[in-house]
Amino acid sequence: MKMPIYEYECENCSNHFEVRRSFHDTSMEHCPQCNSKSRRLFRPAAIIFKGSGFYITDSRKEVPPPVDASSSN
C-alpha cells in the first residue's frame, strides 16, 4: 500500500525532515535530531502540465481566416 510522505519542521531546532505515514495516522511526530515536538508543513501539490495550450502565452498553431465564397469570384 502506498503512503504519502509528509514534511515536518522541528519547533525547537528548525530541522526539516520527511516521514512516510498513513492518511489516518494522527500521532505527533518528534524531531530525529533533538526529539522535540514538530509541526507538519503544508506544501502545494506538484502539478506538471504536458503538451501545449495550458497558458495564454503558449504558442499555438495559426488558424487561417475563413474563406468568403462571394469574394473568390
PDB file of N, CA and C in Angstrom:
ATOM      1  N   MET A   1       0.834  -1.169   0.000  1.00  0.00           N
ATOM      2  CA  MET A   1       0.000   0.000   0.000  1.00  0.00           C
ATOM      3  C   MET A   1       0.890   1.248   0.000  1.00  0.00           C
ATOM      4  N   LYS A   2       0.577   2.201  -0.876  1.00  0.00           N
ATOM      5  CA  LYS A   2       1.346   3.435  -0.940  1.00  0.00           C
ATOM      6  C   LYS A   2       0.875   4.393   0.142  1.00  0.00           C
ATOM      7  N   MET A   3       1.835   5.043   0.770  1.00  0.00           N
ATOM      8  CA  MET A   3       1.512   6.027   1.800  1.00  0.00           C
ATOM      9  C   MET A   3       2.160   7.351   1.413  1.00  0.00           C
ATOM     10  N   PRO A   4       1.511   8.462   1.768  1.00  0.00           N
ATOM     11  CA  PRO A   4       2.085   9.766   1.431  1.00  0.00           C
ATOM     12  C   PRO A   4       3.297  10.097   2.296  1.00  0.00           C
ATOM     13  N   ILE A   5       4.116  10.990   1.779  1.00  0.00           N
ATOM     14  CA  ILE A   5       5.277  11.487   2.513  1.00  0.00           C
ATOM     15  C   ILE A   5       4.936  12.884   3.007  1.00  0.00           C
ATOM     16  N   TYR A   6       5.077  13.103   4.297  1.00  0.00           N
ATOM     17  CA  TYR A   6       4.784  14.398   4.901  1.00  0.00           C
ATOM     18  C   TYR A   6       6.081  15.065   5.328  1.00  0.00           C
ATOM     19  N   GLU A   7       6.117  16.385   5.202  1.00  0.00           N
ATOM     20  CA  GLU A   7       7.291  17.149   5.613  1.00  0.00           C
ATOM     21  C   GLU A   7       6.995  17.821   6.954  1.00  0.00           C
ATOM     22  N   TYR A   8       7.968  17.763   7.850  1.00  0.00           N
ATOM     23  CA  TYR A   8       7.832  18.335   9.186  1.00  0.00           C
ATOM     24  C   TYR A   8       8.971  19.306   9.463  1.00  0.00           C
ATOM     25  N   GLU A   9       8.713  20.215  10.411  1.00  0.00           N
ATOM     26  CA  GLU A   9       9.746  21.130  10.893  1.00  0.00           C
ATOM     27  C   GLU A   9       9.737  21.094  12.415  1.00  0.00           C
ATOM     28  N   CYS A  10      10.908  20.953  12.998  1.00  0.00           N
ATOM     29  CA  CYS A  10      11.039  20.909  14.453  1.00  0.00           C
ATOM     30  C   CYS A  10      10.780  22.295  15.035  1.00  0.00           C
ATOM     31  N   GLU A  11      10.014  22.347  16.121  1.00  0.00           N
ATOM     32  CA  GLU A  11       9.718  23.622  16.782  1.00  0.00           C
ATOM     33  C   GLU A  11      10.916  24.137  17.576  1.00  0.00           C
ATOM     34  N   ASN A  12      11.844  23.256  17.909  1.00  0.00           N
ATOM     35  CA  ASN A  12      12.994  23.632  18.729  1.00  0.00           C
ATOM     36  C   ASN A  12      14.218  23.996  17.882  1.00  0.00           C
ATOM     37  N   CYS A  13      14.642  23.105  16.994  1.00  0.00           N
ATOM     38  CA  CYS A  13      15.891  23.317  16.244  1.00  0.00           C
ATOM     39  C   CYS A  13      15.664  23.660  14.770  1.00  0.00           C
ATOM     40  N   SER A  14      14.410  23.747  14.324  1.00  0.00           N
ATOM     41  CA  SER A  14      14.043  24.091  12.935  1.00  0.00           C
ATOM     42  C   SER A  14      14.535  23.078  11.907  1.00  0.00           C
ATOM     43  N   ASN A  15      14.816  21.866  12.353  1.00  0.00           N
ATOM     44  CA  ASN A  15      15.216  20.796  11.443  1.00  0.00           C
ATOM     45  C   ASN A  15      14.033  20.412  10.553  1.00  0.00           C
ATOM     46  N   HIS A  16      14.281  20.247   9.262  1.00  0.00           N
ATOM     47  CA  HIS A  16      13.254  19.787   8.327  1.00  0.00           C
ATOM     48  C   HIS A  16      13.492  18.310   8.042  1.00  0.00           C
ATOM     49  N   PHE A  17      12.425  17.511   8.076  1.00  0.00           N
ATOM     50  CA  PHE A  17      12.546  16.086   7.782  1.00  0.00           C
ATOM     51  C   PHE A  17      11.235  15.574   7.203  1.00  0.00           C
ATOM     52  N   GLU A  18      11.316  14.433   6.535  1.00  0.00           N
ATOM     53  CA  GLU A  18      10.147  13.824   5.900  1.00  0.00           C
ATOM     54  C   GLU A  18       9.823  12.497   6.562  1.00  0.00           C
ATOM     55  N   VAL A  19       8.520  12.192   6.628  1.00  0.00           N
ATOM     56  CA  VAL A  19       8.050  10.942   7.231  1.00  0.00           C
ATOM     57  C   VAL A  19       6.989  10.342   6.326  1.00  0.00           C
ATOM     58  N   ARG A  20       7.090   9.053   6.064  1.00  0.00           N
ATOM     59  CA  ARG A  20       6.071   8.331   5.299  1.00  0.00           C
ATOM     60  C   ARG A  20       5.109   7.716   6.307  1.00  0.00           C
ATOM     61  N   ARG A  21       3.821   8.102   6.189  1.00  0.00           N
ATOM     62  CA  ARG A  21       2.844   7.592   7.150  1.00  0.00           C
ATOM     63  C   ARG A  21       1.468   7.512   6.522  1.00  0.00           C
ATOM     64  N   SER A  22       0.597   6.803   7.177  1.00  0.00           N
ATOM     65  CA  SER A  22      -0.771   6.593   6.716  1.00  0.00           C
ATOM     66  C   SER A  22      -1.571   7.892   6.793  1.00  0.00           C
ATOM     67  N   PHE A  23      -2.617   7.981   5.965  1.00  0.00           N
ATOM     68  CA  PHE A  23      -3.521   9.133   5.999  1.00  0.00           C
ATOM     69  C   PHE A  23      -4.194   9.259   7.364  1.00  0.00           C
ATOM     70  N   HIS A  24      -4.462   8.141   7.994  1.00  0.00           N
ATOM     71  CA  HIS A  24      -5.230   8.118   9.235  1.00  0.00           C
ATOM     72  C   HIS A  24      -4.367   8.232  10.492  1.00  0.00           C
ATOM     73  N   ASP A  25      -3.051   8.231  10.335  1.00  0.00           N
ATOM     74  CA  ASP A  25      -2.150   8.324  11.483  1.00  0.00           C
ATOM     75  C   ASP A  25      -2.079   9.778  11.949  1.00  0.00           C
ATOM     76  N   THR A  26      -2.598  10.062  13.136  1.00  0.00           N
ATOM     77  CA  THR A  26      -2.632  11.432  13.660  1.00  0.00           C
ATOM     78  C   THR A  26      -1.645  11.647  14.801  1.00  0.00           C
ATOM     79  N   SER A  27      -0.773  10.692  15.049  1.00  0.00           N
ATOM     80  CA  SER A  27       0.171  10.824  16.160  1.00  0.00           C
ATOM     81  C   SER A  27       1.171  11.954  15.894  1.00  0.00           C
ATOM     82  N   MET A  28       1.682  12.529  16.967  1.00  0.00           N
ATOM     83  CA  MET A  28       2.645  13.624  16.881  1.00  0.00           C
ATOM     84  C   MET A  28       4.002  13.069  16.461  1.00  0.00           C
ATOM     85  N   GLU A  29       4.654  13.726  15.537  1.00  0.00           N
ATOM     86  CA  GLU A  29       5.980  13.308  15.084  1.00  0.00           C
ATOM     87  C   GLU A  29       7.029  14.113  15.849  1.00  0.00           C
ATOM     88  N   HIS A  30       8.102  13.433  16.271  1.00  0.00           N
ATOM     89  CA  HIS A  30       9.171  14.099  17.009  1.00  0.00           C
ATOM     90  C   HIS A  30      10.412  14.207  16.135  1.00  0.00           C
ATOM     91  N   CYS A  31      11.177  15.245  16.381  1.00  0.00           N
ATOM     92  CA  CYS A  31      12.387  15.518  15.606  1.00  0.00           C
ATOM     93  C   CYS A  31      13.416  14.402  15.809  1.00  0.00           C
ATOM     94  N   PRO A  32      14.014  13.894  14.723  1.00  0.00           N
ATOM     95  CA  PRO A  32      15.023  12.843  14.873  1.00  0.00           C
ATOM     96  C   PRO A  32      16.342  13.359  15.458  1.00  0.00           C
ATOM     97  N   GLN A  33      16.562  14.682  15.446  1.00  0.00           N
ATOM     98  CA  GLN A  33      17.814  15.233  15.985  1.00  0.00           C
ATOM     99  C   GLN A  33      17.733  15.558  17.469  1.00  0.00           C
ATOM    100  N   CYS A  34      16.633  16.231  17.883  1.00  0.00           N
ATOM    101  CA  CYS A  34      16.573  16.667  19.290  1.00  0.00           C
ATOM    102  C   CYS A  34      15.374  16.091  20.047  1.00  0.00           C
ATOM    103  N   ASN A  35      14.541  15.310  19.385  1.00  0.00           N
ATOM    104  CA  ASN A  35      13.387  14.635  19.978  1.00  0.00           C
ATOM    105  C   ASN A  35      12.315  15.606  20.505  1.00  0.00           C
ATOM    106  N   SER A  36      12.288  16.829  19.979  1.00  0.00           N
ATOM    107  CA  SER A  36      11.259  17.805  20.360  1.00  0.00           C
ATOM    108  C   SER A  36      10.042  17.659  19.459  1.00  0.00           C
ATOM    109  N   LYS A  37       8.972  18.364  19.829  1.00  0.00           N
ATOM    110  CA  LYS A  37       7.761  18.351  19.004  1.00  0.00           C
ATOM    111  C   LYS A  37       8.040  19.005  17.660  1.00  0.00           C
ATOM    112  N   SER A  38       7.322  18.545  16.662  1.00  0.00           N
ATOM    113  CA  SER A  38       7.459  19.138  15.336  1.00  0.00           C
ATOM    114  C   SER A  38       6.078  19.419  14.769  1.00  0.00           C
ATOM    115  N   ARG A  39       6.043  20.252  13.755  1.00  0.00           N
ATOM    116  CA  ARG A  39       4.758  20.562  13.119  1.00  0.00           C
ATOM    117  C   ARG A  39       4.834  20.190  11.654  1.00  0.00           C
ATOM    118  N   ARG A  40       3.705  19.755  11.145  1.00  0.00           N
ATOM    119  CA  ARG A  40       3.638  19.338   9.746  1.00  0.00           C
ATOM    120  C   ARG A  40       3.540  20.568   8.855  1.00  0.00           C
ATOM    121  N   LEU A  41       4.308  20.571   7.780  1.00  0.00           N
ATOM    122  CA  LEU A  41       4.285  21.665   6.822  1.00  0.00           C
ATOM    123  C   LEU A  41       3.355  21.301   5.677  1.00  0.00           C
ATOM    124  N   PHE A  42       2.622  22.265   5.206  1.00  0.00           N
ATOM    125  CA  PHE A  42       1.716  22.046   4.084  1.00  0.00           C
ATOM    126  C   PHE A  42       2.303  22.713   2.858  1.00  0.00           C
ATOM    127  N   ARG A  43       2.545  21.940   1.850  1.00  0.00           N
ATOM    128  CA  ARG A  43       3.132  22.416   0.600  1.00  0.00           C
ATOM    129  C   ARG A  43       2.130  22.219  -0.525  1.00  0.00           C
ATOM    130  N   PRO A  44       2.184  23.073  -1.541  1.00  0.00           N
ATOM    131  CA  PRO A  44       1.293  22.870  -2.689  1.00  0.00           C
ATOM    132  C   PRO A  44       1.687  21.601  -3.447  1.00  0.00           C
ATOM    133  N   ALA A  45       0.717  20.983  -4.030  1.00  0.00           N
ATOM    134  CA  ALA A  45       0.970  19.769  -4.810  1.00  0.00           C
ATOM    135  C   ALA A  45       1.740  20.111  -6.075  1.00  0.00           C
ATOM    136  N   ALA A  46       2.627  19.234  -6.468  1.00  0.00           N
ATOM    137  CA  ALA A  46       3.382  19.432  -7.703  1.00  0.00           C
ATOM    138  C   ALA A  46       2.526  18.991  -8.883  1.00  0.00           C
ATOM    139  N   ILE A  47       2.287  19.913  -9.799  1.00  0.00           N
ATOM    140  CA  ILE A  47       1.468  19.618 -10.969  1.00  0.00           C
ATOM    141  C   ILE A  47       2.305  19.875 -12.210  1.00  0.00           C
ATOM    142  N   ILE A  48       2.310  18.933 -13.121  1.00  0.00           N
ATOM    143  CA  ILE A  48       3.048  19.082 -14.371  1.00  0.00           C
ATOM    144  C   ILE A  48       2.059  18.991 -15.517  1.00  0.00           C
ATOM    145  N   PHE A  49       1.973  20.068 -16.294  1.00  0.00           N
ATOM    146  CA  PHE A  49       1.116  20.078 -17.472  1.00  0.00           C
ATOM    147  C   PHE A  49       1.968  19.705 -18.672  1.00  0.00           C
ATOM    148  N   LYS A  50       1.576  18.678 -19.388  1.00  0.00           N
ATOM    149  CA  LYS A  50       2.309  18.261 -20.576  1.00  0.00           C
ATOM    150  C   LYS A  50       1.501  18.633 -21.804  1.00  0.00           C
ATOM    151  N   GLY A  51       2.185  19.080 -22.823  1.00  0.00           N
ATOM    152  CA  GLY A  51       1.503  19.491 -24.041  1.00  0.00           C
ATOM    153  C   GLY A  51       1.499  21.000 -24.152  1.00  0.00           C
ATOM    154  N   SER A  52       0.649  21.518 -25.002  1.00  0.00           N
ATOM    155  CA  SER A  52       0.589  22.965 -25.188  1.00  0.00           C
ATOM    156  C   SER A  52      -0.837  23.440 -25.010  1.00  0.00           C
ATOM    157  N   GLY A  53      -0.976  24.761 -24.887  1.00  0.00           N
ATOM    158  CA  GLY A  53      -2.293  25.354 -24.778  1.00  0.00           C
ATOM    159  C   GLY A  53      -2.811  25.502 -23.369  1.00  0.00           C
ATOM    160  N   PHE A  54      -1.958  25.316 -22.357  1.00  0.00           N
ATOM    161  CA  PHE A  54      -2.414  25.435 -20.977  1.00  0.00           C
ATOM    162  C   PHE A  54      -2.339  26.867 -20.457  1.00  0.00           C
ATOM    163  N   TYR A  55      -1.598  27.723 -21.165  1.00  0.00           N
ATOM    164  CA  TYR A  55      -1.445  29.094 -20.705  1.00  0.00           C
ATOM    165  C   TYR A  55      -1.582  30.035 -21.886  1.00  0.00           C
ATOM    166  N   ILE A  56      -1.987  31.250 -21.648  1.00  0.00           N
ATOM    167  CA  ILE A  56      -2.275  32.196 -22.721  1.00  0.00           C
ATOM    168  C   ILE A  56      -1.044  32.511 -23.575  1.00  0.00           C
ATOM    169  N   THR A  57       0.145  32.420 -23.010  1.00  0.00           N
ATOM    170  CA  THR A  57       1.353  32.734 -23.771  1.00  0.00           C
ATOM    171  C   THR A  57       1.927  31.526 -24.504  1.00  0.00           C
ATOM    172  N   ASP A  58       1.315  30.370 -24.364  1.00  0.00           N
ATOM    173  CA  ASP A  58       1.783  29.198 -25.103  1.00  0.00           C
ATOM    174  C   ASP A  58       1.645  29.444 -26.592  1.00  0.00           C
ATOM    175  N   SER A  59       2.573  28.901 -27.353  1.00  0.00           N
ATOM    176  CA  SER A  59       2.479  29.058 -28.807  1.00  0.00           C
ATOM    177  C   SER A  59       1.391  28.130 -29.337  1.00  0.00           C
ATOM    178  N   ARG A  60       0.641  28.660 -30.258  1.00  0.00           N
ATOM    179  CA  ARG A  60      -0.443  27.886 -30.860  1.00  0.00           C
ATOM    180  C   ARG A  60      -0.266  27.872 -32.366  1.00  0.00           C
ATOM    181  N   LYS A  61      -0.870  26.917 -33.010  1.00  0.00           N
ATOM    182  CA  LYS A  61      -0.848  26.868 -34.464  1.00  0.00           C
ATOM    183  C   LYS A  61      -1.715  27.997 -35.003  1.00  0.00           C
ATOM    184  N   GLU A  62      -1.226  28.620 -36.066  1.00  0.00           N
ATOM    185  CA  GLU A  62      -2.000  29.681 -36.705  1.00  0.00           C
ATOM    186  C   GLU A  62      -3.193  29.066 -37.423  1.00  0.00           C
ATOM    187  N   VAL A  63      -4.353  29.655 -37.220  1.00  0.00           N
ATOM    188  CA  VAL A  63      -5.577  29.198 -37.877  1.00  0.00           C
ATOM    189  C   VAL A  63      -5.842  30.152 -39.037  1.00  0.00           C
ATOM    190  N   PRO A  64      -5.911  29.633 -40.272  1.00  0.00           N
ATOM    191  CA  PRO A  64      -6.164  30.524 -41.407  1.00  0.00           C
ATOM    192  C   PRO A  64      -7.561  31.125 -41.309  1.00  0.00           C
ATOM    193  N   PRO A  65      -7.713  32.390 -41.770  1.00  0.00           N
ATOM    194  CA  PRO A  65      -9.037  33.006 -41.717  1.00  0.00           C
ATOM    195  C   PRO A  65     -10.005  32.272 -42.636  1.00  0.00           C
ATOM    196  N   PRO A  66     -11.288  32.273 -42.310  1.00  0.00           N
ATOM    197  CA  PRO A  66     -12.257  31.577 -43.162  1.00  0.00           C
ATOM    198  C   PRO A  66     -12.330  32.239 -44.538  1.00  0.00           C
ATOM    199  N   VAL A  67     -12.497  31.420 -45.549  1.00  0.00           N
ATOM    200  CA  VAL A  67     -12.578  31.911 -46.925  1.00  0.00           C
ATOM    201  C   VAL A  67     -14.019  32.297 -47.215  1.00  0.00           C
ATOM    202  N   ASP A  68     -14.207  33.543 -47.702  1.00  0.00           N
ATOM    203  CA  ASP A  68     -15.535  34.036 -48.046  1.00  0.00           C
ATOM    204  C   ASP A  68     -15.843  33.602 -49.480  1.00  0.00           C
ATOM    205  N   ALA A  69     -16.901  32.853 -49.683  1.00  0.00           N
ATOM    206  CA  ALA A  69     -17.246  32.300 -51.001  1.00  0.00           C
ATOM    207  C   ALA A  69     -17.576  33.391 -52.010  1.00  0.00           C
ATOM    208  N   SER A  70     -18.153  34.524 -51.599  1.00  0.00           N
ATOM    209  CA  SER A  70     -18.550  35.572 -52.542  1.00  0.00           C
ATOM    210  C   SER A  70     -17.352  36.366 -53.055  1.00  0.00           C
ATOM    211  N   SER A  71     -16.258  36.461 -52.317  1.00  0.00           N
ATOM    212  CA  SER A  71     -15.099  37.233 -52.758  1.00  0.00           C
ATOM    213  C   SER A  71     -14.179  36.440 -53.668  1.00  0.00           C
ATOM    214  N   SER A  72     -14.333  35.149 -53.789  1.00  0.00           N
ATOM    215  CA  SER A  72     -13.463  34.335 -54.633  1.00  0.00           C
ATOM    216  C   SER A  72     -13.861  34.390 -56.099  1.00  0.00           C
ATOM    217  N   ASN A  73     -15.017  34.926 -56.467  1.00  0.00           N
ATOM    218  CA  ASN A  73     -15.456  35.026 -57.869  1.00  0.00           C
ATOM    219  C   ASN A  73     -14.937  36.248 -58.521  1.00  0.00           C
TER     220      ASN A  73
END
